[in-house]
PDB file of all heavy atoms in Angstrom:
ATOM      1  N   PRO A   1      -3.629   5.127  11.618  1.00  0.00           N
ATOM      2  CA  PRO A   1      -2.721   5.771  12.573  1.00  0.00           C
ATOM      3  C   PRO A   1      -2.133   7.000  12.023  1.00  0.00           C
ATOM      4  O   PRO A   1      -1.750   7.135  10.822  1.00  0.00           O
ATOM      5  CB  PRO A   1      -1.621   4.513  12.622  1.00  0.00           C
ATOM      6  CG  PRO A   1      -2.345   3.336  12.146  1.00  0.00           C
ATOM      7  CD  PRO A   1      -3.353   3.794  11.100  1.00  0.00           C
ATOM      8  N   ALA A   2      -1.976   8.026  12.846  1.00  0.00           N
ATOM      9  CA  ALA A   2      -1.516   9.227  12.335  1.00  0.00           C
ATOM     10  C   ALA A   2      -0.159   9.217  11.670  1.00  0.00           C
ATOM     11  O   ALA A   2       0.025   9.812  10.507  1.00  0.00           O
ATOM     12  CB  ALA A   2      -1.340  10.334  13.444  1.00  0.00           C
ATOM     13  N   PRO A   3       0.738   8.396  12.053  1.00  0.00           N
ATOM     14  CA  PRO A   3       2.005   8.191  11.212  1.00  0.00           C
ATOM     15  C   PRO A   3       1.899   7.689   9.821  1.00  0.00           C
ATOM     16  O   PRO A   3       2.621   8.131   8.888  1.00  0.00           O
ATOM     17  CB  PRO A   3       2.829   7.164  12.057  1.00  0.00           C
ATOM     18  CG  PRO A   3       2.343   7.420  13.490  1.00  0.00           C
ATOM     19  CD  PRO A   3       0.815   7.548  13.370  1.00  0.00           C
ATOM     20  N   VAL A   4       0.813   6.866   9.567  1.00  0.00           N
ATOM     21  CA  VAL A   4       0.550   6.303   8.290  1.00  0.00           C
ATOM     22  C   VAL A   4      -0.045   7.622   7.503  1.00  0.00           C
ATOM     23  O   VAL A   4       0.349   7.693   6.286  1.00  0.00           O
ATOM     24  CB  VAL A   4      -0.383   5.212   8.314  1.00  0.00           C
ATOM     25  CG1 VAL A   4      -0.820   4.787   6.903  1.00  0.00           C
ATOM     26  CG2 VAL A   4       0.167   4.044   8.941  1.00  0.00           C
ATOM     27  N   TRP A   5      -1.056   8.317   8.052  1.00  0.00           N
ATOM     28  CA  TRP A   5      -1.696   9.318   7.332  1.00  0.00           C
ATOM     29  C   TRP A   5      -0.613  10.339   6.910  1.00  0.00           C
ATOM     30  O   TRP A   5      -0.594  10.907   5.747  1.00  0.00           O
ATOM     31  CB  TRP A   5      -2.642  10.043   8.193  1.00  0.00           C
ATOM     32  CG  TRP A   5      -3.294  11.296   7.650  1.00  0.00           C
ATOM     33  CD1 TRP A   5      -2.940  12.461   7.993  1.00  0.00           C
ATOM     34  CD2 TRP A   5      -4.423  11.312   6.712  1.00  0.00           C
ATOM     35  NE1 TRP A   5      -3.698  13.492   7.289  1.00  0.00           N
ATOM     36  CE2 TRP A   5      -4.615  12.811   6.515  1.00  0.00           C
ATOM     37  CE3 TRP A   5      -5.223  10.418   6.131  1.00  0.00           C
ATOM     38  CZ2 TRP A   5      -5.655  13.124   5.622  1.00  0.00           C
ATOM     39  CZ3 TRP A   5      -6.237  10.855   5.241  1.00  0.00           C
ATOM     40  CH2 TRP A   5      -6.327  12.248   5.003  1.00  0.00           C
ATOM     41  N   HIS A   6       0.334  10.696   7.823  1.00  0.00           N
ATOM     42  CA  HIS A   6       1.322  11.682   7.506  1.00  0.00           C
ATOM     43  C   HIS A   6       2.284  11.188   6.464  1.00  0.00           C
ATOM     44  O   HIS A   6       2.811  11.853   5.512  1.00  0.00           O
ATOM     45  CB  HIS A   6       1.983  12.119   8.768  1.00  0.00           C
ATOM     46  CG  HIS A   6       1.087  12.854   9.651  1.00  0.00           C
ATOM     47  ND1 HIS A   6       0.308  13.860   9.345  1.00  0.00           N
ATOM     48  CD2 HIS A   6       0.907  12.672  11.019  1.00  0.00           C
ATOM     49  CE1 HIS A   6      -0.426  14.264  10.347  1.00  0.00           C
ATOM     50  NE2 HIS A   6      -0.095  13.608  11.524  1.00  0.00           N
ATOM     51  N   ALA A   7       2.630   9.889   6.578  1.00  0.00           N
ATOM     52  CA  ALA A   7       3.618   9.261   5.675  1.00  0.00           C
ATOM     53  C   ALA A   7       3.091   9.315   4.209  1.00  0.00           C
ATOM     54  O   ALA A   7       3.888   9.509   3.211  1.00  0.00           O
ATOM     55  CB  ALA A   7       3.936   7.816   6.170  1.00  0.00           C
ATOM     56  N   VAL A   8       1.778   9.106   4.003  1.00  0.00           N
ATOM     57  CA  VAL A   8       1.292   8.987   2.655  1.00  0.00           C
ATOM     58  C   VAL A   8       0.921  10.457   2.245  1.00  0.00           C
ATOM     59  O   VAL A   8       0.340  10.643   1.109  1.00  0.00           O
ATOM     60  CB  VAL A   8       0.270   7.934   2.386  1.00  0.00           C
ATOM     61  CG1 VAL A   8       0.725   6.665   2.709  1.00  0.00           C
ATOM     62  CG2 VAL A   8      -1.014   8.288   3.353  1.00  0.00           C
ATOM     63  N   ALA A   9       0.907  11.510   3.154  1.00  0.00           N
ATOM     64  CA  ALA A   9       0.488  12.805   2.895  1.00  0.00           C
ATOM     65  C   ALA A   9      -1.099  12.880   2.520  1.00  0.00           C
ATOM     66  O   ALA A   9      -1.434  13.673   1.719  1.00  0.00           O
ATOM     67  CB  ALA A   9       1.232  13.419   1.721  1.00  0.00           C
ATOM     68  N   GLY A  10      -1.744  12.117   3.170  1.00  0.00           N
ATOM     69  CA  GLY A  10      -3.247  12.205   3.104  1.00  0.00           C
ATOM     70  C   GLY A  10      -3.757  11.851   1.649  1.00  0.00           C
ATOM     71  O   GLY A  10      -3.202  11.037   1.024  1.00  0.00           O
ATOM     72  N   PHE A  11      -4.858  12.470   1.294  1.00  0.00           N
ATOM     73  CA  PHE A  11      -5.367  12.310   0.010  1.00  0.00           C
ATOM     74  C   PHE A  11      -4.668  13.105  -1.053  1.00  0.00           C
ATOM     75  O   PHE A  11      -4.069  14.073  -0.745  1.00  0.00           O
ATOM     76  CB  PHE A  11      -6.871  12.804   0.084  1.00  0.00           C
ATOM     77  CG  PHE A  11      -7.826  11.950   0.910  1.00  0.00           C
ATOM     78  CD1 PHE A  11      -8.365  12.498   1.966  1.00  0.00           C
ATOM     79  CD2 PHE A  11      -8.160  10.646   0.413  1.00  0.00           C
ATOM     80  CE1 PHE A  11      -9.278  11.748   2.769  1.00  0.00           C
ATOM     81  CE2 PHE A  11      -9.115   9.990   1.167  1.00  0.00           C
ATOM     82  CZ  PHE A  11      -9.677  10.476   2.310  1.00  0.00           C
ATOM     83  N   ASP A  12      -4.636  12.564  -2.262  1.00  0.00           N
ATOM     84  CA  ASP A  12      -4.196  13.195  -3.342  1.00  0.00           C
ATOM     85  C   ASP A  12      -5.182  14.212  -3.900  1.00  0.00           C
ATOM     86  O   ASP A  12      -6.245  13.749  -4.344  1.00  0.00           O
ATOM     87  CB  ASP A  12      -3.908  12.136  -4.479  1.00  0.00           C
ATOM     88  CG  ASP A  12      -3.222  12.731  -5.690  1.00  0.00           C
ATOM     89  OD1 ASP A  12      -3.239  14.025  -5.946  1.00  0.00           O
ATOM     90  OD2 ASP A  12      -2.708  11.989  -6.477  1.00  0.00           O
ATOM     91  N   GLU A  13      -4.884  15.424  -3.779  1.00  0.00           N
ATOM     92  CA  GLU A  13      -5.747  16.374  -4.074  1.00  0.00           C
ATOM     93  C   GLU A  13      -6.009  16.644  -5.618  1.00  0.00           C
ATOM     94  O   GLU A  13      -6.767  17.511  -6.095  1.00  0.00           O
ATOM     95  CB  GLU A  13      -5.327  17.825  -3.531  1.00  0.00           C
ATOM     96  CG  GLU A  13      -5.341  17.793  -1.917  1.00  0.00           C
ATOM     97  CD  GLU A  13      -5.086  19.021  -1.343  1.00  0.00           C
ATOM     98  OE1 GLU A  13      -5.146  20.142  -1.988  1.00  0.00           O
ATOM     99  OE2 GLU A  13      -4.676  19.014  -0.045  1.00  0.00           O
ATOM    100  N   SER A  14      -5.406  15.954  -6.421  1.00  0.00           N
ATOM    101  CA  SER A  14      -5.646  15.895  -7.908  1.00  0.00           C
ATOM    102  C   SER A  14      -7.102  15.097  -8.241  1.00  0.00           C
ATOM    103  O   SER A  14      -7.566  15.464  -9.291  1.00  0.00           O
ATOM    104  CB  SER A  14      -4.655  15.343  -8.696  1.00  0.00           C
ATOM    105  OG  SER A  14      -4.511  13.889  -8.536  1.00  0.00           O
ATOM    106  N   PHE A  15      -7.593  14.599  -7.171  1.00  0.00           N
ATOM    107  CA  PHE A  15      -8.984  13.932  -7.342  1.00  0.00           C
ATOM    108  C   PHE A  15      -9.837  15.012  -6.462  1.00  0.00           C
ATOM    109  O   PHE A  15      -9.726  15.143  -5.364  1.00  0.00           O
ATOM    110  CB  PHE A  15      -9.074  12.755  -6.566  1.00  0.00           C
ATOM    111  CG  PHE A  15      -8.106  11.621  -7.186  1.00  0.00           C
ATOM    112  CD1 PHE A  15      -6.931  11.378  -6.773  1.00  0.00           C
ATOM    113  CD2 PHE A  15      -8.627  10.822  -8.179  1.00  0.00           C
ATOM    114  CE1 PHE A  15      -6.030  10.405  -7.149  1.00  0.00           C
ATOM    115  CE2 PHE A  15      -7.904   9.816  -8.731  1.00  0.00           C
ATOM    116  CZ  PHE A  15      -6.580   9.645  -8.287  1.00  0.00           C
ATOM    117  N   PHE A  16     -10.746  15.654  -7.286  1.00  0.00           N
ATOM    118  CA  PHE A  16     -11.591  16.640  -6.699  1.00  0.00           C
ATOM    119  C   PHE A  16     -12.771  15.979  -5.865  1.00  0.00           C
ATOM    120  O   PHE A  16     -12.991  16.272  -4.697  1.00  0.00           O
ATOM    121  CB  PHE A  16     -12.268  17.569  -7.857  1.00  0.00           C
ATOM    122  CG  PHE A  16     -13.215  18.639  -7.131  1.00  0.00           C
ATOM    123  CD1 PHE A  16     -12.769  19.638  -6.466  1.00  0.00           C
ATOM    124  CD2 PHE A  16     -14.679  18.323  -7.237  1.00  0.00           C
ATOM    125  CE1 PHE A  16     -13.677  20.588  -5.956  1.00  0.00           C
ATOM    126  CE2 PHE A  16     -15.500  19.313  -6.780  1.00  0.00           C
ATOM    127  CZ  PHE A  16     -14.985  20.381  -6.027  1.00  0.00           C
ATOM    128  N   MET A  17     -13.283  14.962  -6.491  1.00  0.00           N
ATOM    129  CA  MET A  17     -14.169  14.228  -5.902  1.00  0.00           C
ATOM    130  C   MET A  17     -14.287  12.759  -6.573  1.00  0.00           C
ATOM    131  O   MET A  17     -14.261  12.750  -7.782  1.00  0.00           O
ATOM    132  CB  MET A  17     -15.637  14.773  -5.879  1.00  0.00           C
ATOM    133  CG  MET A  17     -16.831  14.207  -5.197  1.00  0.00           C
ATOM    134  SD  MET A  17     -18.304  14.997  -5.289  1.00  0.00           S
ATOM    135  CE  MET A  17     -17.949  16.527  -4.461  1.00  0.00           C
ATOM    136  N   TYR A  18     -14.360  11.667  -5.867  1.00  0.00           N
ATOM    137  CA  TYR A  18     -14.477  10.318  -6.422  1.00  0.00           C
ATOM    138  C   TYR A  18     -12.942   9.749  -6.558  1.00  0.00           C
ATOM    139  O   TYR A  18     -12.117  10.574  -7.125  1.00  0.00           O
ATOM    140  CB  TYR A  18     -15.233  10.121  -7.654  1.00  0.00           C
ATOM    141  CG  TYR A  18     -16.656  10.581  -7.469  1.00  0.00           C
ATOM    142  CD1 TYR A  18     -17.125  11.661  -8.222  1.00  0.00           C
ATOM    143  CD2 TYR A  18     -17.613   9.936  -6.660  1.00  0.00           C
ATOM    144  CE1 TYR A  18     -18.437  12.036  -8.156  1.00  0.00           C
ATOM    145  CE2 TYR A  18     -18.973  10.255  -6.721  1.00  0.00           C
ATOM    146  CZ  TYR A  18     -19.330  11.384  -7.401  1.00  0.00           C
ATOM    147  OH  TYR A  18     -20.566  11.756  -7.176  1.00  0.00           O
ATOM    148  N   CYS A  19     -12.823   8.615  -6.249  1.00  0.00           N
ATOM    149  CA  CYS A  19     -11.553   7.852  -6.374  1.00  0.00           C
ATOM    150  C   CYS A  19     -10.422   8.145  -5.527  1.00  0.00           C
ATOM    151  O   CYS A  19      -9.390   7.447  -5.466  1.00  0.00           O
ATOM    152  CB  CYS A  19     -11.019   7.832  -7.832  1.00  0.00           C
ATOM    153  SG  CYS A  19     -12.244   7.048  -9.079  1.00  0.00           S
ATOM    154  N   GLU A  20     -10.592   9.258  -4.806  1.00  0.00           N
ATOM    155  CA  GLU A  20      -9.400   9.550  -3.799  1.00  0.00           C
ATOM    156  C   GLU A  20      -9.367   8.509  -2.867  1.00  0.00           C
ATOM    157  O   GLU A  20      -8.245   8.276  -2.299  1.00  0.00           O
ATOM    158  CB  GLU A  20      -9.739  10.942  -3.154  1.00  0.00           C
ATOM    159  CG  GLU A  20     -11.011  11.138  -2.387  1.00  0.00           C
ATOM    160  CD  GLU A  20     -12.175  11.478  -3.230  1.00  0.00           C
ATOM    161  OE1 GLU A  20     -12.201  12.701  -3.658  1.00  0.00           O
ATOM    162  OE2 GLU A  20     -13.049  10.686  -3.522  1.00  0.00           O
ATOM    163  N   ASP A  21     -10.392   7.806  -2.454  1.00  0.00           N
ATOM    164  CA  ASP A  21     -10.341   6.842  -1.417  1.00  0.00           C
ATOM    165  C   ASP A  21      -9.694   5.514  -2.073  1.00  0.00           C
ATOM    166  O   ASP A  21      -8.842   4.698  -1.437  1.00  0.00           O
ATOM    167  CB  ASP A  21     -11.682   6.382  -0.870  1.00  0.00           C
ATOM    168  CG  ASP A  21     -12.864   6.359  -1.801  1.00  0.00           C
ATOM    169  OD1 ASP A  21     -12.474   6.398  -3.024  1.00  0.00           O
ATOM    170  OD2 ASP A  21     -13.957   6.203  -1.336  1.00  0.00           O
ATOM    171  N   VAL A  22      -9.838   5.227  -3.277  1.00  0.00           N
ATOM    172  CA  VAL A  22      -9.207   4.206  -4.050  1.00  0.00           C
ATOM    173  C   VAL A  22      -7.764   4.443  -3.993  1.00  0.00           C
ATOM    174  O   VAL A  22      -6.867   3.550  -3.565  1.00  0.00           O
ATOM    175  CB  VAL A  22      -9.588   4.125  -5.512  1.00  0.00           C
ATOM    176  CG1 VAL A  22      -8.971   2.843  -6.149  1.00  0.00           C
ATOM    177  CG2 VAL A  22     -11.172   4.003  -5.550  1.00  0.00           C
ATOM    178  N   ASP A  23      -7.241   5.660  -4.347  1.00  0.00           N
ATOM    179  CA  ASP A  23      -5.934   6.020  -4.488  1.00  0.00           C
ATOM    180  C   ASP A  23      -5.250   5.950  -3.050  1.00  0.00           C
ATOM    181  O   ASP A  23      -4.140   5.453  -2.815  1.00  0.00           O
ATOM    182  CB  ASP A  23      -5.711   7.494  -5.084  1.00  0.00           C
ATOM    183  CG  ASP A  23      -4.309   8.080  -4.904  1.00  0.00           C
ATOM    184  OD1 ASP A  23      -3.567   7.532  -5.736  1.00  0.00           O
ATOM    185  OD2 ASP A  23      -4.125   8.842  -3.990  1.00  0.00           O
ATOM    186  N   LEU A  24      -5.909   6.410  -1.991  1.00  0.00           N
ATOM    187  CA  LEU A  24      -5.301   6.387  -0.667  1.00  0.00           C
ATOM    188  C   LEU A  24      -5.219   4.909  -0.218  1.00  0.00           C
ATOM    189  O   LEU A  24      -4.067   4.620   0.239  1.00  0.00           O
ATOM    190  CB  LEU A  24      -6.329   7.082   0.274  1.00  0.00           C
ATOM    191  CG  LEU A  24      -5.900   7.087   1.712  1.00  0.00           C
ATOM    192  CD1 LEU A  24      -4.664   7.875   1.945  1.00  0.00           C
ATOM    193  CD2 LEU A  24      -6.979   7.630   2.722  1.00  0.00           C
ATOM    194  N   SER A  25      -6.167   4.053  -0.422  1.00  0.00           N
ATOM    195  CA  SER A  25      -5.993   2.673  -0.093  1.00  0.00           C
ATOM    196  C   SER A  25      -4.809   2.006  -0.779  1.00  0.00           C
ATOM    197  O   SER A  25      -4.049   1.234  -0.205  1.00  0.00           O
ATOM    198  CB  SER A  25      -7.234   1.906  -0.450  1.00  0.00           C
ATOM    199  OG  SER A  25      -8.456   2.242   0.330  1.00  0.00           O
ATOM    200  N   LEU A  26      -4.635   2.376  -2.033  1.00  0.00           N
ATOM    201  CA  LEU A  26      -3.554   1.745  -2.898  1.00  0.00           C
ATOM    202  C   LEU A  26      -2.207   2.236  -2.380  1.00  0.00           C
ATOM    203  O   LEU A  26      -1.314   1.368  -2.150  1.00  0.00           O
ATOM    204  CB  LEU A  26      -3.720   2.160  -4.331  1.00  0.00           C
ATOM    205  CG  LEU A  26      -5.032   1.630  -5.060  1.00  0.00           C
ATOM    206  CD1 LEU A  26      -4.919   1.949  -6.511  1.00  0.00           C
ATOM    207  CD2 LEU A  26      -5.170   0.122  -4.924  1.00  0.00           C
ATOM    208  N   ARG A  27      -2.100   3.496  -2.077  1.00  0.00           N
ATOM    209  CA  ARG A  27      -0.799   4.010  -1.596  1.00  0.00           C
ATOM    210  C   ARG A  27      -0.402   3.561  -0.203  1.00  0.00           C
ATOM    211  O   ARG A  27       0.681   3.289   0.134  1.00  0.00           O
ATOM    212  CB  ARG A  27      -0.849   5.590  -1.621  1.00  0.00           C
ATOM    213  CG  ARG A  27      -0.808   6.066  -3.086  1.00  0.00           C
ATOM    214  CD  ARG A  27      -0.523   7.747  -3.098  1.00  0.00           C
ATOM    215  NE  ARG A  27      -1.905   8.310  -2.664  1.00  0.00           N
ATOM    216  CZ  ARG A  27      -1.962   9.096  -1.538  1.00  0.00           C
ATOM    217  NH1 ARG A  27      -0.776   9.032  -0.765  1.00  0.00           N
ATOM    218  NH2 ARG A  27      -2.900   9.729  -1.168  1.00  0.00           N
ATOM    219  N   VAL A  28      -1.438   3.430   0.643  1.00  0.00           N
ATOM    220  CA  VAL A  28      -1.260   2.770   2.034  1.00  0.00           C
ATOM    221  C   VAL A  28      -0.664   1.384   1.905  1.00  0.00           C
ATOM    222  O   VAL A  28       0.310   1.034   2.520  1.00  0.00           O
ATOM    223  CB  VAL A  28      -2.583   2.805   2.792  1.00  0.00           C
ATOM    224  CG1 VAL A  28      -2.442   2.011   3.982  1.00  0.00           C
ATOM    225  CG2 VAL A  28      -2.863   4.270   3.163  1.00  0.00           C
ATOM    226  N   GLN A  29      -1.377   0.581   0.955  1.00  0.00           N
ATOM    227  CA  GLN A  29      -0.825  -0.792   0.796  1.00  0.00           C
ATOM    228  C   GLN A  29       0.538  -0.851   0.222  1.00  0.00           C
ATOM    229  O   GLN A  29       1.300  -1.723   0.473  1.00  0.00           O
ATOM    230  CB  GLN A  29      -1.793  -1.608  -0.010  1.00  0.00           C
ATOM    231  CG  GLN A  29      -3.096  -1.734   0.852  1.00  0.00           C
ATOM    232  CD  GLN A  29      -4.122  -2.404  -0.086  1.00  0.00           C
ATOM    233  OE1 GLN A  29      -4.459  -3.620  -0.068  1.00  0.00           O
ATOM    234  NE2 GLN A  29      -4.957  -1.565  -0.772  1.00  0.00           N
ATOM    235  N   LEU A  30       0.799  -0.001  -0.819  1.00  0.00           N
ATOM    236  CA  LEU A  30       2.150   0.146  -1.387  1.00  0.00           C
ATOM    237  C   LEU A  30       3.215   0.550  -0.386  1.00  0.00           C
ATOM    238  O   LEU A  30       4.323   0.098  -0.602  1.00  0.00           O
ATOM    239  CB  LEU A  30       2.137   1.034  -2.619  1.00  0.00           C
ATOM    240  CG  LEU A  30       1.367   0.626  -3.772  1.00  0.00           C
ATOM    241  CD1 LEU A  30       1.098   1.729  -4.825  1.00  0.00           C
ATOM    242  CD2 LEU A  30       1.948  -0.510  -4.440  1.00  0.00           C
ATOM    243  N   GLY A  31       2.823   1.215   0.653  1.00  0.00           N
ATOM    244  CA  GLY A  31       3.704   1.666   1.713  1.00  0.00           C
ATOM    245  C   GLY A  31       4.022   0.464   2.641  1.00  0.00           C
ATOM    246  O   GLY A  31       4.918   0.616   3.610  1.00  0.00           O
ATOM    247  N   GLY A  32       3.369  -0.669   2.472  1.00  0.00           N
ATOM    248  CA  GLY A  32       3.696  -1.823   3.292  1.00  0.00           C
ATOM    249  C   GLY A  32       2.631  -2.014   4.295  1.00  0.00           C
ATOM    250  O   GLY A  32       2.785  -3.028   5.188  1.00  0.00           O
ATOM    251  N   TRP A  33       1.419  -1.226   4.403  1.00  0.00           N
ATOM    252  CA  TRP A  33       0.526  -1.378   5.395  1.00  0.00           C
ATOM    253  C   TRP A  33      -0.675  -2.192   4.812  1.00  0.00           C
ATOM    254  O   TRP A  33      -0.857  -2.391   3.531  1.00  0.00           O
ATOM    255  CB  TRP A  33       0.071  -0.128   6.015  1.00  0.00           C
ATOM    256  CG  TRP A  33       1.124   0.635   6.667  1.00  0.00           C
ATOM    257  CD1 TRP A  33       1.605   0.352   7.890  1.00  0.00           C
ATOM    258  CD2 TRP A  33       1.815   1.811   6.164  1.00  0.00           C
ATOM    259  NE1 TRP A  33       2.654   1.313   8.281  1.00  0.00           N
ATOM    260  CE2 TRP A  33       2.765   2.209   7.140  1.00  0.00           C
ATOM    261  CE3 TRP A  33       1.777   2.531   4.962  1.00  0.00           C
ATOM    262  CZ2 TRP A  33       3.556   3.328   6.981  1.00  0.00           C
ATOM    263  CZ3 TRP A  33       2.585   3.673   4.772  1.00  0.00           C
ATOM    264  CH2 TRP A  33       3.549   4.033   5.730  1.00  0.00           C
ATOM    265  N   LYS A  34      -1.574  -2.666   5.740  1.00  0.00           N
ATOM    266  CA  LYS A  34      -2.724  -3.295   5.154  1.00  0.00           C
ATOM    267  C   LYS A  34      -4.070  -2.634   5.548  1.00  0.00           C
ATOM    268  O   LYS A  34      -4.196  -1.873   6.614  1.00  0.00           O
ATOM    269  CB  LYS A  34      -2.788  -4.778   5.748  1.00  0.00           C
ATOM    270  CG  LYS A  34      -2.657  -4.924   7.261  1.00  0.00           C
ATOM    271  CD  LYS A  34      -2.431  -6.360   7.781  1.00  0.00           C
ATOM    272  CE  LYS A  34      -2.328  -6.484   9.330  1.00  0.00           C
ATOM    273  NZ  LYS A  34      -2.109  -7.781   9.774  1.00  0.00           N
ATOM    274  N   LEU A  35      -5.105  -3.124   4.938  1.00  0.00           N
ATOM    275  CA  LEU A  35      -6.367  -2.717   5.371  1.00  0.00           C
ATOM    276  C   LEU A  35      -7.053  -3.672   6.338  1.00  0.00           C
ATOM    277  O   LEU A  35      -7.022  -4.788   6.151  1.00  0.00           O
ATOM    278  CB  LEU A  35      -7.469  -2.673   3.984  1.00  0.00           C
ATOM    279  CG  LEU A  35      -6.846  -2.076   2.931  1.00  0.00           C
ATOM    280  CD1 LEU A  35      -7.721  -1.986   1.542  1.00  0.00           C
ATOM    281  CD2 LEU A  35      -6.337  -0.514   3.192  1.00  0.00           C
ATOM    282  N   ALA A  36      -7.671  -3.170   7.373  1.00  0.00           N
ATOM    283  CA  ALA A  36      -8.187  -4.111   8.403  1.00  0.00           C
ATOM    284  C   ALA A  36      -9.832  -3.962   8.588  1.00  0.00           C
ATOM    285  O   ALA A  36     -10.167  -2.885   8.913  1.00  0.00           O
ATOM    286  CB  ALA A  36      -7.493  -3.824   9.730  1.00  0.00           C
ATOM    287  N   ALA A  37     -10.510  -4.882   8.228  1.00  0.00           N
ATOM    288  CA  ALA A  37     -11.837  -4.914   8.491  1.00  0.00           C
ATOM    289  C   ALA A  37     -12.132  -4.993   9.923  1.00  0.00           C
ATOM    290  O   ALA A  37     -11.522  -5.802  10.704  1.00  0.00           O
ATOM    291  CB  ALA A  37     -12.596  -6.123   7.807  1.00  0.00           C
TER     292      ALA A  37
END
């Protein structure tokens, strides 16, 4: 959802390549949202 993307400010750009998706998933869940298969 766009509000979630904007709330977490997208990807952390300190990751050039690899693990940015790990970090995004963690921050989304720490924000109170869940991952949905």
